[in-house]
């Protein structure tokens, strides 16, 4: 039976993406790497070991702006200039507590 994983999105009212990335890196004890994509612009990423199988978990931090098409990436959440996306996490509870302690608000979560 295939293991299910959590996918989640958090938002920050702060607009300093470097500061958020540093705080998240400290909370998860995994360094974040600054990256650039023509599709999403500047973002930060980490691949911590938060899955019980061979799939790597992923955390991406990006601005709530779509540089390719203009406008907001998540138009339902305009109050959050920074978004944190979580992919392939086996147990979201401890991660959720860490991110909420950083004043991030969970906007969505699915177990797939």
Protein backbone atom coordinates (compact mmCIF):
# COMPACT_ATOMS: atom_id res chain seq x y z
CA UNK A 1 0.00 0.00 0.00
CA UNK A 2 1.37 3.37 -1.01
CA UNK A 3 2.06 5.78 1.85
CA UNK A 4 0.06 9.00 1.87
CA UNK A 5 1.75 12.39 2.23
CA UNK A 6 0.69 15.83 3.35
CA UNK A 7 0.69 18.84 1.04
CA UNK A 8 0.07 22.20 2.67
CA UNK A 9 0.24 25.94 2.09
CA UNK A 10 0.99 28.62 4.67
CA UNK A 11 0.95 32.40 4.40
CA UNK A 12 2.93 35.16 6.07
CA UNK A 13 1.85 38.76 6.54
CA UNK A 14 5.53 39.72 6.68
CA UNK A 15 7.05 40.60 3.33
CA UNK A 16 10.75 39.83 3.90
CA UNK A 17 11.23 36.52 2.12
CA UNK A 18 14.86 36.13 3.28
CA UNK A 19 13.85 36.55 6.91
CA UNK A 20 11.02 34.02 6.57
CA UNK A 21 13.38 31.56 4.86
CA UNK A 22 15.93 31.92 7.65
CA UNK A 23 13.26 31.40 10.33
CA UNK A 24 11.87 28.31 8.59
CA UNK A 25 15.38 26.89 8.09
CA UNK A 26 16.10 27.29 11.81
CA UNK A 27 12.76 25.74 12.77
CA UNK A 28 13.19 22.66 10.56
CA UNK A 29 16.96 22.46 11.13
CA UNK A 30 17.59 22.28 7.38
CA UNK A 31 19.22 24.98 5.26
CA UNK A 32 17.13 26.77 2.64
CA UNK A 33 18.67 27.52 -0.75
CA UNK A 34 17.92 30.70 -2.68
CA UNK A 35 16.81 29.97 -6.25
CA UNK A 36 15.39 31.72 -9.28
CA UNK A 37 12.86 30.59 -11.86
CA UNK A 38 11.46 32.53 -14.80
CA UNK A 39 8.08 31.01 -13.89
CA UNK A 40 7.94 31.91 -10.19
CA UNK A 41 10.74 34.44 -9.72
CA UNK A 42 13.05 34.33 -6.70
CA UNK A 43 12.24 31.67 -4.12
CA UNK A 44 13.80 29.57 -1.38
CA UNK A 45 13.75 25.78 -1.20
CA UNK A 46 14.71 22.94 1.12
CA UNK A 47 14.36 19.17 0.84
CA UNK A 48 14.30 17.93 4.43
CA UNK A 49 13.83 14.26 5.29
CA UNK A 50 10.22 14.40 6.54
CA UNK A 51 8.86 11.39 4.70
CA UNK A 52 8.91 7.78 5.86
CA UNK A 53 9.66 6.47 2.37
CA UNK A 54 12.12 7.29 -0.39
CA UNK A 55 10.28 10.41 -1.55
CA UNK A 56 11.97 13.64 -0.50
CA UNK A 57 9.87 16.25 1.24
CA UNK A 58 10.02 19.77 -0.14
CA UNK A 59 9.48 23.24 1.29
CA UNK A 60 9.27 26.24 -1.04
CA UNK A 61 8.95 29.84 0.03
CA UNK A 62 7.94 32.38 -2.58
CA UNK A 63 6.22 35.70 -3.07
CA UNK A 64 2.48 35.69 -3.67
CA UNK A 65 3.04 37.10 -7.13
CA UNK A 66 3.13 35.43 -10.53
CA UNK A 67 5.87 37.12 -12.61
CA UNK A 68 4.96 35.17 -15.72
CA UNK A 69 1.33 36.29 -15.94
CA UNK A 70 1.21 39.14 -13.43
CA UNK A 71 -1.17 39.24 -10.50
CA UNK A 72 -1.30 37.11 -7.41
CA UNK A 73 -0.27 33.47 -7.37
CA UNK A 74 -2.95 32.78 -4.75
CA UNK A 75 -5.66 35.40 -5.39
CA UNK A 76 -7.83 34.03 -2.57
CA UNK A 77 -5.14 35.13 -0.10
CA UNK A 78 -4.08 38.67 -1.06
CA UNK A 79 -3.27 39.53 2.58
CA UNK A 80 -0.27 37.16 2.50
CA UNK A 81 2.70 38.51 0.49
CA UNK A 82 4.76 35.36 1.27
CA UNK A 83 3.63 31.78 0.69
CA UNK A 84 5.17 28.60 2.06
CA UNK A 85 4.39 25.37 0.22
CA UNK A 86 4.96 21.98 1.85
CA UNK A 87 5.07 18.79 -0.24
CA UNK A 88 5.35 15.10 0.60
CA UNK A 89 5.45 15.24 4.41
CA UNK A 90 4.44 12.06 6.27
CA UNK A 91 3.57 13.70 9.60
CA UNK A 92 2.40 17.28 9.44
CA UNK A 93 1.66 17.82 13.14
CA UNK A 94 5.15 18.69 14.39
CA UNK A 95 5.95 20.75 11.28
CA UNK A 96 2.63 22.57 11.59
CA UNK A 97 3.43 23.57 15.19
CA UNK A 98 6.86 24.88 14.16
CA UNK A 99 5.49 26.94 11.26
CA UNK A 100 2.60 28.35 13.29
CA UNK A 101 5.09 29.37 15.99
CA UNK A 102 6.75 31.52 13.28
CA UNK A 103 3.44 33.39 12.78
CA UNK A 104 2.69 31.54 9.56
CA UNK A 105 -0.96 30.76 8.99
CA UNK A 106 -2.01 27.45 7.48
CA UNK A 107 -4.18 28.20 4.44
CA UNK A 108 -4.70 24.69 3.10
CA UNK A 109 -3.69 21.09 3.75
CA UNK A 110 -4.44 17.79 1.98
CA UNK A 111 -3.44 14.22 2.59
CA UNK A 112 -2.89 12.51 -0.74
